[in-house]
């Protein structure tokens, strides 16, 4: 998912309901979606009433998701808008675990 978003410069804004419904809120996929929203959000992600697919996070994401997004934004403050590498670009391994002895992912 990280590679695809970097290549296409498009970030998912419709997966939070599904992810938070299928994984623990502290799972890698949930944390990654929170970071995508916190660091790459666009006003339209919040203001749209319904996407063409009918599954956007602005109306369907659970409260736990929005709490995590706001906590990240507040924690980072104005730095969240700084240019430079985003958390998933700095260390994509923070969103998954490697078996013992397996090397970390390359950036």
PDB file of N, CA and C in Angstrom:
ATOM      1  N   UNK A   1       0.821  -1.190   0.000  1.00  0.00           N
ATOM      2  CA  UNK A   1       0.000   0.000   0.000  1.00  0.00           C
ATOM      3  C   UNK A   1       0.866   1.255   0.000  1.00  0.00           C
ATOM      4  N   UNK A   2       1.956   1.221   0.730  1.00  0.00           N
ATOM      5  CA  UNK A   2       2.840   2.387   0.799  1.00  0.00           C
ATOM      6  C   UNK A   2       3.437   2.681  -0.568  1.00  0.00           C
ATOM      7  N   UNK A   3       3.966   1.659  -1.218  1.00  0.00           N
ATOM      8  CA  UNK A   3       4.567   1.856  -2.541  1.00  0.00           C
ATOM      9  C   UNK A   3       3.558   2.444  -3.519  1.00  0.00           C
ATOM     10  N   UNK A   4       2.364   1.904  -3.491  1.00  0.00           N
ATOM     11  CA  UNK A   4       1.340   2.354  -4.435  1.00  0.00           C
ATOM     12  C   UNK A   4       0.961   3.818  -4.203  1.00  0.00           C
ATOM     13  N   UNK A   5       0.835   4.217  -2.955  1.00  0.00           N
ATOM     14  CA  UNK A   5       0.478   5.617  -2.681  1.00  0.00           C
ATOM     15  C   UNK A   5       1.612   6.555  -3.089  1.00  0.00           C
ATOM     16  N   UNK A   6       2.837   6.135  -2.875  1.00  0.00           N
ATOM     17  CA  UNK A   6       3.972   6.970  -3.258  1.00  0.00           C
ATOM     18  C   UNK A   6       4.031   7.108  -4.778  1.00  0.00           C
ATOM     19  N   UNK A   7       3.873   5.988  -5.484  1.00  0.00           N
ATOM     20  CA  UNK A   7       3.925   6.008  -6.948  1.00  0.00           C
ATOM     21  C   UNK A   7       2.808   6.851  -7.553  1.00  0.00           C
ATOM     22  N   UNK A   8       1.605   6.677  -7.062  1.00  0.00           N
ATOM     23  CA  UNK A   8       0.439   7.347  -7.655  1.00  0.00           C
ATOM     24  C   UNK A   8       0.147   8.721  -7.055  1.00  0.00           C
ATOM     25  N   UNK A   9       0.769   9.000  -5.907  1.00  0.00           N
ATOM     26  CA  UNK A   9       0.501  10.259  -5.196  1.00  0.00           C
ATOM     27  C   UNK A   9      -0.990  10.410  -4.881  1.00  0.00           C
ATOM     28  N   UNK A  10      -1.621   9.282  -4.612  1.00  0.00           N
ATOM     29  CA  UNK A  10      -3.029   9.255  -4.206  1.00  0.00           C
ATOM     30  C   UNK A  10      -3.108   8.424  -2.929  1.00  0.00           C
ATOM     31  N   UNK A  11      -3.814   8.964  -1.957  1.00  0.00           N
ATOM     32  CA  UNK A  11      -3.898   8.320  -0.648  1.00  0.00           C
ATOM     33  C   UNK A  11      -5.317   7.848  -0.396  1.00  0.00           C
ATOM     34  N   UNK A  12      -5.457   6.660   0.187  1.00  0.00           N
ATOM     35  CA  UNK A  12      -6.798   6.121   0.404  1.00  0.00           C
ATOM     36  C   UNK A  12      -7.573   6.953   1.425  1.00  0.00           C
ATOM     37  N   UNK A  13      -8.784   7.322   1.077  1.00  0.00           N
ATOM     38  CA  UNK A  13      -9.635   8.059   1.993  1.00  0.00           C
ATOM     39  C   UNK A  13     -10.983   7.362   2.151  1.00  0.00           C
ATOM     40  N   UNK A  14     -10.935   6.041   2.061  1.00  0.00           N
ATOM     41  CA  UNK A  14     -12.165   5.257   2.132  1.00  0.00           C
ATOM     42  C   UNK A  14     -11.978   3.921   2.860  1.00  0.00           C
ATOM     43  N   UNK A  15     -10.843   3.713   3.504  1.00  0.00           N
ATOM     44  CA  UNK A  15     -10.553   2.396   4.075  1.00  0.00           C
ATOM     45  C   UNK A  15     -10.662   2.313   5.599  1.00  0.00           C
ATOM     46  N   UNK A  16     -10.822   3.420   6.291  1.00  0.00           N
ATOM     47  CA  UNK A  16     -10.773   3.415   7.758  1.00  0.00           C
ATOM     48  C   UNK A  16     -11.884   2.567   8.372  1.00  0.00           C
ATOM     49  N   UNK A  17     -13.099   2.687   7.870  1.00  0.00           N
ATOM     50  CA  UNK A  17     -14.202   1.890   8.431  1.00  0.00           C
ATOM     51  C   UNK A  17     -13.876   0.400   8.327  1.00  0.00           C
ATOM     52  N   UNK A  18     -13.427  -0.012   7.166  1.00  0.00           N
ATOM     53  CA  UNK A  18     -13.099  -1.421   6.959  1.00  0.00           C
ATOM     54  C   UNK A  18     -11.937  -1.844   7.859  1.00  0.00           C
ATOM     55  N   UNK A  19     -10.857  -1.081   7.853  1.00  0.00           N
ATOM     56  CA  UNK A  19      -9.662  -1.458   8.616  1.00  0.00           C
ATOM     57  C   UNK A  19      -9.948  -1.512  10.117  1.00  0.00           C
ATOM     58  N   UNK A  20     -10.620  -0.489  10.633  1.00  0.00           N
ATOM     59  CA  UNK A  20     -10.914  -0.460  12.064  1.00  0.00           C
ATOM     60  C   UNK A  20     -11.953  -1.497  12.450  1.00  0.00           C
ATOM     61  N   UNK A  21     -12.708  -2.000  11.482  1.00  0.00           N
ATOM     62  CA  UNK A  21     -13.668  -3.068  11.730  1.00  0.00           C
ATOM     63  C   UNK A  21     -13.059  -4.458  11.668  1.00  0.00           C
ATOM     64  N   UNK A  22     -11.863  -4.576  11.084  1.00  0.00           N
ATOM     65  CA  UNK A  22     -11.240  -5.892  10.892  1.00  0.00           C
ATOM     66  C   UNK A  22      -9.922  -6.084  11.642  1.00  0.00           C
ATOM     67  N   UNK A  23      -9.305  -5.007  12.095  1.00  0.00           N
ATOM     68  CA  UNK A  23      -8.009  -5.094  12.754  1.00  0.00           C
ATOM     69  C   UNK A  23      -8.043  -4.304  14.059  1.00  0.00           C
ATOM     70  N   UNK A  24      -7.142  -4.646  14.985  1.00  0.00           N
ATOM     71  CA  UNK A  24      -7.034  -3.828  16.208  1.00  0.00           C
ATOM     72  C   UNK A  24      -6.633  -2.401  15.833  1.00  0.00           C
ATOM     73  N   UNK A  25      -7.100  -1.431  16.618  1.00  0.00           N
ATOM     74  CA  UNK A  25      -6.824  -0.027  16.268  1.00  0.00           C
ATOM     75  C   UNK A  25      -5.341   0.313  16.314  1.00  0.00           C
ATOM     76  N   UNK A  26      -4.539  -0.511  16.996  1.00  0.00           N
ATOM     77  CA  UNK A  26      -3.099  -0.263  17.027  1.00  0.00           C
ATOM     78  C   UNK A  26      -2.342  -1.111  16.002  1.00  0.00           C
ATOM     79  N   UNK A  27      -3.066  -1.746  15.087  1.00  0.00           N
ATOM     80  CA  UNK A  27      -2.417  -2.548  14.039  1.00  0.00           C
ATOM     81  C   UNK A  27      -1.702  -1.633  13.052  1.00  0.00           C
ATOM     82  N   UNK A  28      -0.806  -2.206  12.303  1.00  0.00           N
ATOM     83  CA  UNK A  28      -0.052  -1.440  11.326  1.00  0.00           C
ATOM     84  C   UNK A  28      -0.922  -0.768  10.284  1.00  0.00           C
ATOM     85  N   UNK A  29      -1.898  -1.470   9.761  1.00  0.00           N
ATOM     86  CA  UNK A  29      -2.747  -0.886   8.715  1.00  0.00           C
ATOM     87  C   UNK A  29      -3.555   0.279   9.269  1.00  0.00           C
ATOM     88  N   UNK A  30      -4.063   0.158  10.484  1.00  0.00           N
ATOM     89  CA  UNK A  30      -4.830   1.259  11.079  1.00  0.00           C
ATOM     90  C   UNK A  30      -3.929   2.452  11.364  1.00  0.00           C
ATOM     91  N   UNK A  31      -2.740   2.197  11.875  1.00  0.00           N
ATOM     92  CA  UNK A  31      -1.810   3.300  12.145  1.00  0.00           C
ATOM     93  C   UNK A  31      -1.379   3.985  10.853  1.00  0.00           C
ATOM     94  N   UNK A  32      -1.187   3.212   9.791  1.00  0.00           N
ATOM     95  CA  UNK A  32      -0.810   3.791   8.499  1.00  0.00           C
ATOM     96  C   UNK A  32      -1.928   4.681   7.953  1.00  0.00           C
ATOM     97  N   UNK A  33      -3.161   4.223   8.028  1.00  0.00           N
ATOM     98  CA  UNK A  33      -4.276   5.044   7.549  1.00  0.00           C
ATOM     99  C   UNK A  33      -4.406   6.327   8.364  1.00  0.00           C
ATOM    100  N   UNK A  34      -4.198   6.243   9.666  1.00  0.00           N
ATOM    101  CA  UNK A  34      -4.213   7.436  10.513  1.00  0.00           C
ATOM    102  C   UNK A  34      -3.124   8.394  10.049  1.00  0.00           C
ATOM    103  N   UNK A  35      -1.928   7.882   9.808  1.00  0.00           N
ATOM    104  CA  UNK A  35      -0.834   8.746   9.354  1.00  0.00           C
ATOM    105  C   UNK A  35      -1.133   9.352   7.979  1.00  0.00           C
ATOM    106  N   UNK A  36      -1.699   8.566   7.070  1.00  0.00           N
ATOM    107  CA  UNK A  36      -2.066   9.120   5.766  1.00  0.00           C
ATOM    108  C   UNK A  36      -3.003  10.310   5.939  1.00  0.00           C
ATOM    109  N   UNK A  37      -4.018  10.146   6.773  1.00  0.00           N
ATOM    110  CA  UNK A  37      -4.972  11.242   6.993  1.00  0.00           C
ATOM    111  C   UNK A  37      -4.309  12.422   7.683  1.00  0.00           C
ATOM    112  N   UNK A  38      -3.536  12.147   8.710  1.00  0.00           N
ATOM    113  CA  UNK A  38      -2.935  13.233   9.489  1.00  0.00           C
ATOM    114  C   UNK A  38      -1.938  14.042   8.666  1.00  0.00           C
ATOM    115  N   UNK A  39      -1.127  13.364   7.866  1.00  0.00           N
ATOM    116  CA  UNK A  39      -0.043  14.049   7.154  1.00  0.00           C
ATOM    117  C   UNK A  39      -0.379  14.453   5.725  1.00  0.00           C
ATOM    118  N   UNK A  40      -1.311  13.780   5.066  1.00  0.00           N
ATOM    119  CA  UNK A  40      -1.577  14.047   3.649  1.00  0.00           C
ATOM    120  C   UNK A  40      -3.011  14.470   3.382  1.00  0.00           C
ATOM    121  N   UNK A  41      -3.755  14.783   4.413  1.00  0.00           N
ATOM    122  CA  UNK A  41      -5.174  15.068   4.228  1.00  0.00           C
ATOM    123  C   UNK A  41      -5.402  16.239   3.272  1.00  0.00           C
ATOM    124  N   UNK A  42      -6.559  16.172   2.712  1.00  0.00           N
ATOM    125  CA  UNK A  42      -7.029  17.212   1.810  1.00  0.00           C
ATOM    126  C   UNK A  42      -8.417  17.594   2.316  1.00  0.00           C
ATOM    127  N   UNK A  43      -8.765  18.848   2.225  1.00  0.00           N
ATOM    128  CA  UNK A  43     -10.055  19.308   2.739  1.00  0.00           C
ATOM    129  C   UNK A  43     -11.211  18.477   2.181  1.00  0.00           C
ATOM    130  N   UNK A  44     -11.118  18.073   0.937  1.00  0.00           N
ATOM    131  CA  UNK A  44     -12.211  17.313   0.319  1.00  0.00           C
ATOM    132  C   UNK A  44     -12.427  15.966   1.006  1.00  0.00           C
ATOM    133  N   UNK A  45     -11.391  15.431   1.642  1.00  0.00           N
ATOM    134  CA  UNK A  45     -11.556  14.163   2.348  1.00  0.00           C
ATOM    135  C   UNK A  45     -12.548  14.300   3.495  1.00  0.00           C
ATOM    136  N   UNK A  46     -12.631  15.491   4.045  1.00  0.00           N
ATOM    137  CA  UNK A  46     -13.496  15.715   5.200  1.00  0.00           C
ATOM    138  C   UNK A  46     -14.855  16.276   4.774  1.00  0.00           C
ATOM    139  N   UNK A  47     -14.857  17.146   3.785  1.00  0.00           N
ATOM    140  CA  UNK A  47     -16.082  17.860   3.435  1.00  0.00           C
ATOM    141  C   UNK A  47     -17.001  17.118   2.471  1.00  0.00           C
ATOM    142  N   UNK A  48     -16.486  16.145   1.745  1.00  0.00           N
ATOM    143  CA  UNK A  48     -17.366  15.446   0.803  1.00  0.00           C
ATOM    144  C   UNK A  48     -18.406  14.643   1.575  1.00  0.00           C
ATOM    145  N   UNK A  49     -19.608  14.640   1.065  1.00  0.00           N
ATOM    146  CA  UNK A  49     -20.676  13.918   1.737  1.00  0.00           C
ATOM    147  C   UNK A  49     -20.666  12.445   1.372  1.00  0.00           C
ATOM    148  N   UNK A  50     -20.295  12.148   0.162  1.00  0.00           N
ATOM    149  CA  UNK A  50     -20.259  10.750  -0.260  1.00  0.00           C
ATOM    150  C   UNK A  50     -19.408  10.643  -1.507  1.00  0.00           C
ATOM    151  N   UNK A  51     -18.513   9.685  -1.510  1.00  0.00           N
ATOM    152  CA  UNK A  51     -17.678   9.491  -2.688  1.00  0.00           C
ATOM    153  C   UNK A  51     -18.486   8.801  -3.779  1.00  0.00           C
ATOM    154  N   UNK A  52     -17.907   8.732  -4.958  1.00  0.00           N
ATOM    155  CA  UNK A  52     -18.572   8.056  -6.069  1.00  0.00           C
ATOM    156  C   UNK A  52     -18.820   6.590  -5.744  1.00  0.00           C
ATOM    157  N   UNK A  53     -17.945   6.028  -4.930  1.00  0.00           N
ATOM    158  CA  UNK A  53     -18.089   4.619  -4.560  1.00  0.00           C
ATOM    159  C   UNK A  53     -18.995   4.446  -3.343  1.00  0.00           C
ATOM    160  N   UNK A  54     -19.384   5.551  -2.696  1.00  0.00           N
ATOM    161  CA  UNK A  54     -20.268   5.469  -1.550  1.00  0.00           C
ATOM    162  C   UNK A  54     -19.616   4.936  -0.288  1.00  0.00           C
ATOM    163  N   UNK A  55     -18.297   5.079  -0.179  1.00  0.00           N
ATOM    164  CA  UNK A  55     -17.628   4.491   0.976  1.00  0.00           C
ATOM    165  C   UNK A  55     -16.511   5.385   1.517  1.00  0.00           C
ATOM    166  N   UNK A  56     -16.766   6.657   1.646  1.00  0.00           N
ATOM    167  CA  UNK A  56     -15.697   7.530   2.109  1.00  0.00           C
ATOM    168  C   UNK A  56     -15.664   7.613   3.627  1.00  0.00           C
ATOM    169  N   UNK A  57     -14.481   7.884   4.148  1.00  0.00           N
ATOM    170  CA  UNK A  57     -14.266   7.930   5.586  1.00  0.00           C
ATOM    171  C   UNK A  57     -14.904   9.132   6.260  1.00  0.00           C
ATOM    172  N   UNK A  58     -15.195  10.189   5.503  1.00  0.00           N
ATOM    173  CA  UNK A  58     -15.716  11.401   6.133  1.00  0.00           C
ATOM    174  C   UNK A  58     -17.026  11.139   6.867  1.00  0.00           C
ATOM    175  N   UNK A  59     -17.794  10.180   6.418  1.00  0.00           N
ATOM    176  CA  UNK A  59     -19.060   9.874   7.090  1.00  0.00           C
ATOM    177  C   UNK A  59     -19.105   8.470   7.689  1.00  0.00           C
ATOM    178  N   UNK A  60     -18.165   7.609   7.337  1.00  0.00           N
ATOM    179  CA  UNK A  60     -18.246   6.228   7.776  1.00  0.00           C
ATOM    180  C   UNK A  60     -17.163   5.781   8.746  1.00  0.00           C
ATOM    181  N   UNK A  61     -16.081   6.504   8.848  1.00  0.00           N
ATOM    182  CA  UNK A  61     -14.984   6.072   9.720  1.00  0.00           C
ATOM    183  C   UNK A  61     -15.422   6.133  11.186  1.00  0.00           C
ATOM    184  N   UNK A  62     -14.943   5.197  11.989  1.00  0.00           N
ATOM    185  CA  UNK A  62     -15.329   5.185  13.406  1.00  0.00           C
ATOM    186  C   UNK A  62     -14.643   6.288  14.208  1.00  0.00           C
ATOM    187  N   UNK A  63     -15.209   6.579  15.354  1.00  0.00           N
ATOM    188  CA  UNK A  63     -14.677   7.632  16.230  1.00  0.00           C
ATOM    189  C   UNK A  63     -13.227   7.356  16.619  1.00  0.00           C
ATOM    190  N   UNK A  64     -12.855   6.092  16.819  1.00  0.00           N
ATOM    191  CA  UNK A  64     -11.477   5.758  17.198  1.00  0.00           C
ATOM    192  C   UNK A  64     -10.487   6.248  16.151  1.00  0.00           C
ATOM    193  N   UNK A  65     -10.882   6.154  14.900  1.00  0.00           N
ATOM    194  CA  UNK A  65     -10.037   6.621  13.811  1.00  0.00           C
ATOM    195  C   UNK A  65      -9.827   8.128  13.910  1.00  0.00           C
ATOM    196  N   UNK A  66     -10.926   8.873  14.018  1.00  0.00           N
ATOM    197  CA  UNK A  66     -10.829  10.331  14.070  1.00  0.00           C
ATOM    198  C   UNK A  66     -10.080  10.808  15.306  1.00  0.00           C
ATOM    199  N   UNK A  67     -10.239  10.112  16.423  1.00  0.00           N
ATOM    200  CA  UNK A  67      -9.478  10.465  17.633  1.00  0.00           C
ATOM    201  C   UNK A  67      -7.985  10.305  17.390  1.00  0.00           C
ATOM    202  N   UNK A  68      -7.619   9.224  16.734  1.00  0.00           N
ATOM    203  CA  UNK A  68      -6.198   8.977  16.449  1.00  0.00           C
ATOM    204  C   UNK A  68      -5.644  10.007  15.468  1.00  0.00           C
ATOM    205  N   UNK A  69      -6.436  10.370  14.458  1.00  0.00           N
ATOM    206  CA  UNK A  69      -5.992  11.396  13.502  1.00  0.00           C
ATOM    207  C   UNK A  69      -5.778  12.725  14.221  1.00  0.00           C
ATOM    208  N   UNK A  70      -6.745  13.148  15.009  1.00  0.00           N
ATOM    209  CA  UNK A  70      -6.622  14.419  15.726  1.00  0.00           C
ATOM    210  C   UNK A  70      -5.468  14.399  16.707  1.00  0.00           C
ATOM    211  N   UNK A  71      -5.283  13.282  17.406  1.00  0.00           N
ATOM    212  CA  UNK A  71      -4.165  13.180  18.352  1.00  0.00           C
ATOM    213  C   UNK A  71      -2.836  13.349  17.623  1.00  0.00           C
ATOM    214  N   UNK A  72      -2.709  12.764  16.450  1.00  0.00           N
ATOM    215  CA  UNK A  72      -1.481  12.885  15.664  1.00  0.00           C
ATOM    216  C   UNK A  72      -1.265  14.323  15.204  1.00  0.00           C
ATOM    217  N   UNK A  73      -2.311  14.940  14.699  1.00  0.00           N
ATOM    218  CA  UNK A  73      -2.205  16.330  14.238  1.00  0.00           C
ATOM    219  C   UNK A  73      -1.827  17.245  15.396  1.00  0.00           C
ATOM    220  N   UNK A  74      -2.483  17.086  16.539  1.00  0.00           N
ATOM    221  CA  UNK A  74      -2.178  17.935  17.694  1.00  0.00           C
ATOM    222  C   UNK A  74      -0.769  17.678  18.217  1.00  0.00           C
ATOM    223  N   UNK A  75      -0.361  16.428  18.230  1.00  0.00           N
ATOM    224  CA  UNK A  75       0.979  16.085  18.715  1.00  0.00           C
ATOM    225  C   UNK A  75       2.058  16.713  17.833  1.00  0.00           C
ATOM    226  N   UNK A  76       1.887  16.638  16.546  1.00  0.00           N
ATOM    227  CA  UNK A  76       2.879  17.157  15.603  1.00  0.00           C
ATOM    228  C   UNK A  76       2.804  18.675  15.447  1.00  0.00           C
ATOM    229  N   UNK A  77       1.637  19.235  15.640  1.00  0.00           N
ATOM    230  CA  UNK A  77       1.471  20.687  15.494  1.00  0.00           C
ATOM    231  C   UNK A  77       1.801  21.136  14.083  1.00  0.00           C
ATOM    232  N   UNK A  78       2.335  22.348  13.944  1.00  0.00           N
ATOM    233  CA  UNK A  78       2.632  22.882  12.606  1.00  0.00           C
ATOM    234  C   UNK A  78       3.637  22.037  11.821  1.00  0.00           C
ATOM    235  N   UNK A  79       4.440  21.250  12.513  1.00  0.00           N
ATOM    236  CA  UNK A  79       5.421  20.401  11.816  1.00  0.00           C
ATOM    237  C   UNK A  79       4.762  19.402  10.876  1.00  0.00           C
ATOM    238  N   UNK A  80       3.508  19.102  11.108  1.00  0.00           N
ATOM    239  CA  UNK A  80       2.821  18.122  10.279  1.00  0.00           C
ATOM    240  C   UNK A  80       2.723  18.588   8.832  1.00  0.00           C
ATOM    241  N   UNK A  81       2.785  19.920   8.631  1.00  0.00           N
ATOM    242  CA  UNK A  81       2.681  20.474   7.284  1.00  0.00           C
ATOM    243  C   UNK A  81       4.039  20.727   6.642  1.00  0.00           C
ATOM    244  N   UNK A  82       5.110  20.416   7.349  1.00  0.00           N
ATOM    245  CA  UNK A  82       6.458  20.651   6.824  1.00  0.00           C
ATOM    246  C   UNK A  82       6.718  19.728   5.637  1.00  0.00           C
ATOM    247  N   UNK A  83       7.516  20.226   4.715  1.00  0.00           N
ATOM    248  CA  UNK A  83       7.900  19.368   3.599  1.00  0.00           C
ATOM    249  C   UNK A  83       8.940  18.372   4.095  1.00  0.00           C
ATOM    250  N   UNK A  84       9.178  17.390   3.323  1.00  0.00           N
ATOM    251  CA  UNK A  84      10.146  16.370   3.708  1.00  0.00           C
ATOM    252  C   UNK A  84       9.466  15.022   3.846  1.00  0.00           C
ATOM    253  N   UNK A  85      10.253  14.012   4.163  1.00  0.00           N
ATOM    254  CA  UNK A  85       9.696  12.666   4.224  1.00  0.00           C
ATOM    255  C   UNK A  85       8.642  12.523   5.326  1.00  0.00           C
ATOM    256  N   UNK A  86       7.617  11.780   5.016  1.00  0.00           N
ATOM    257  CA  UNK A  86       6.534  11.487   5.947  1.00  0.00           C
ATOM    258  C   UNK A  86       6.902  10.214   6.725  1.00  0.00           C
ATOM    259  N   UNK A  87       6.186   9.915   7.803  1.00  0.00           N
ATOM    260  CA  UNK A  87       6.561   8.759   8.639  1.00  0.00           C
ATOM    261  C   UNK A  87       6.700   7.448   7.864  1.00  0.00           C
ATOM    262  N   UNK A  88       5.806   7.187   6.917  1.00  0.00           N
ATOM    263  CA  UNK A  88       5.871   5.942   6.149  1.00  0.00           C
ATOM    264  C   UNK A  88       7.039   5.930   5.169  1.00  0.00           C
ATOM    265  N   UNK A  89       7.575   7.105   4.848  1.00  0.00           N
ATOM    266  CA  UNK A  89       8.753   7.166   3.998  1.00  0.00           C
ATOM    267  C   UNK A  89      10.029   7.030   4.825  1.00  0.00           C
ATOM    268  N   UNK A  90      10.002   7.520   6.040  1.00  0.00           N
ATOM    269  CA  UNK A  90      11.168   7.422   6.926  1.00  0.00           C
ATOM    270  C   UNK A  90      11.383   5.994   7.405  1.00  0.00           C
ATOM    271  N   UNK A  91      10.288   5.320   7.790  1.00  0.00           N
ATOM    272  CA  UNK A  91      10.404   3.970   8.348  1.00  0.00           C
ATOM    273  C   UNK A  91       9.123   3.189   8.095  1.00  0.00           C
ATOM    274  N   UNK A  92       9.062   2.543   6.955  1.00  0.00           N
ATOM    275  CA  UNK A  92       7.856   1.770   6.639  1.00  0.00           C
ATOM    276  C   UNK A  92       7.709   0.536   7.516  1.00  0.00           C
ATOM    277  N   UNK A  93       8.790   0.127   8.158  1.00  0.00           N
ATOM    278  CA  UNK A  93       8.734  -1.053   9.021  1.00  0.00           C
ATOM    279  C   UNK A  93       7.934  -0.815  10.304  1.00  0.00           C
ATOM    280  N   UNK A  94       7.658   0.430  10.638  1.00  0.00           N
ATOM    281  CA  UNK A  94       6.865   0.697  11.832  1.00  0.00           C
ATOM    282  C   UNK A  94       5.426   0.205  11.685  1.00  0.00           C
ATOM    283  N   UNK A  95       5.030  -0.140  10.478  1.00  0.00           N
ATOM    284  CA  UNK A  95       3.660  -0.579  10.221  1.00  0.00           C
ATOM    285  C   UNK A  95       3.525  -2.110  10.102  1.00  0.00           C
ATOM    286  N   UNK A  96       4.616  -2.815  10.270  1.00  0.00           N
ATOM    287  CA  UNK A  96       4.561  -4.277  10.233  1.00  0.00           C
ATOM    288  C   UNK A  96       5.730  -4.848  11.037  1.00  0.00           C
ATOM    289  N   UNK A  97       5.714  -6.161  11.225  1.00  0.00           N
ATOM    290  CA  UNK A  97       6.783  -6.833  11.961  1.00  0.00           C
ATOM    291  C   UNK A  97       7.549  -7.740  11.020  1.00  0.00           C
ATOM    292  N   UNK A  98       8.845  -7.836  11.281  1.00  0.00           N
ATOM    293  CA  UNK A  98       9.697  -8.752  10.535  1.00  0.00           C
ATOM    294  C   UNK A  98      10.017  -9.959  11.413  1.00  0.00           C
ATOM    295  N   UNK A  99      10.080 -11.140  10.820  1.00  0.00           N
ATOM    296  CA  UNK A  99      10.552 -12.293  11.593  1.00  0.00           C
ATOM    297  C   UNK A  99      11.993 -12.055  12.041  1.00  0.00           C
ATOM    298  N   UNK A 100      12.370 -12.684  13.132  1.00  0.00           N
ATOM    299  CA  UNK A 100      13.745 -12.548  13.632  1.00  0.00           C
ATOM    300  C   UNK A 100      14.737 -12.867  12.527  1.00  0.00           C
ATOM    301  N   UNK A 101      15.712 -11.998  12.382  1.00  0.00           N
ATOM    302  CA  UNK A 101      16.774 -12.194  11.410  1.00  0.00           C
ATOM    303  C   UNK A 101      16.474 -11.634  10.033  1.00  0.00           C
ATOM    304  N   UNK A 102      15.227 -11.292   9.751  1.00  0.00           N
ATOM    305  CA  UNK A 102      14.904 -10.737   8.439  1.00  0.00           C
ATOM    306  C   UNK A 102      15.312  -9.266   8.406  1.00  0.00           C
ATOM    307  N   UNK A 103      15.981  -8.843   7.335  1.00  0.00           N
ATOM    308  CA  UNK A 103      16.402  -7.433   7.267  1.00  0.00           C
ATOM    309  C   UNK A 103      15.201  -6.499   7.130  1.00  0.00           C
ATOM    310  N   UNK A 104      15.412  -5.261   7.571  1.00  0.00           N
ATOM    311  CA  UNK A 104      14.371  -4.245   7.452  1.00  0.00           C
ATOM    312  C   UNK A 104      14.169  -3.887   5.973  1.00  0.00           C
ATOM    313  N   UNK A 105      13.024  -3.325   5.698  1.00  0.00           N
ATOM    314  CA  UNK A 105      12.704  -2.889   4.339  1.00  0.00           C
ATOM    315  C   UNK A 105      13.607  -1.734   3.942  1.00  0.00           C
ATOM    316  N   UNK A 106      13.862  -1.634   2.666  1.00  0.00           N
ATOM    317  CA  UNK A 106      14.639  -0.491   2.190  1.00  0.00           C
ATOM    318  C   UNK A 106      13.670   0.620   1.826  1.00  0.00           C
ATOM    319  N   UNK A 107      14.144   1.849   1.908  1.00  0.00           N
ATOM    320  CA  UNK A 107      13.274   3.002   1.612  1.00  0.00           C
ATOM    321  C   UNK A 107      13.111   3.196   0.139  1.00  0.00           C
TER     322      UNK A 107
END
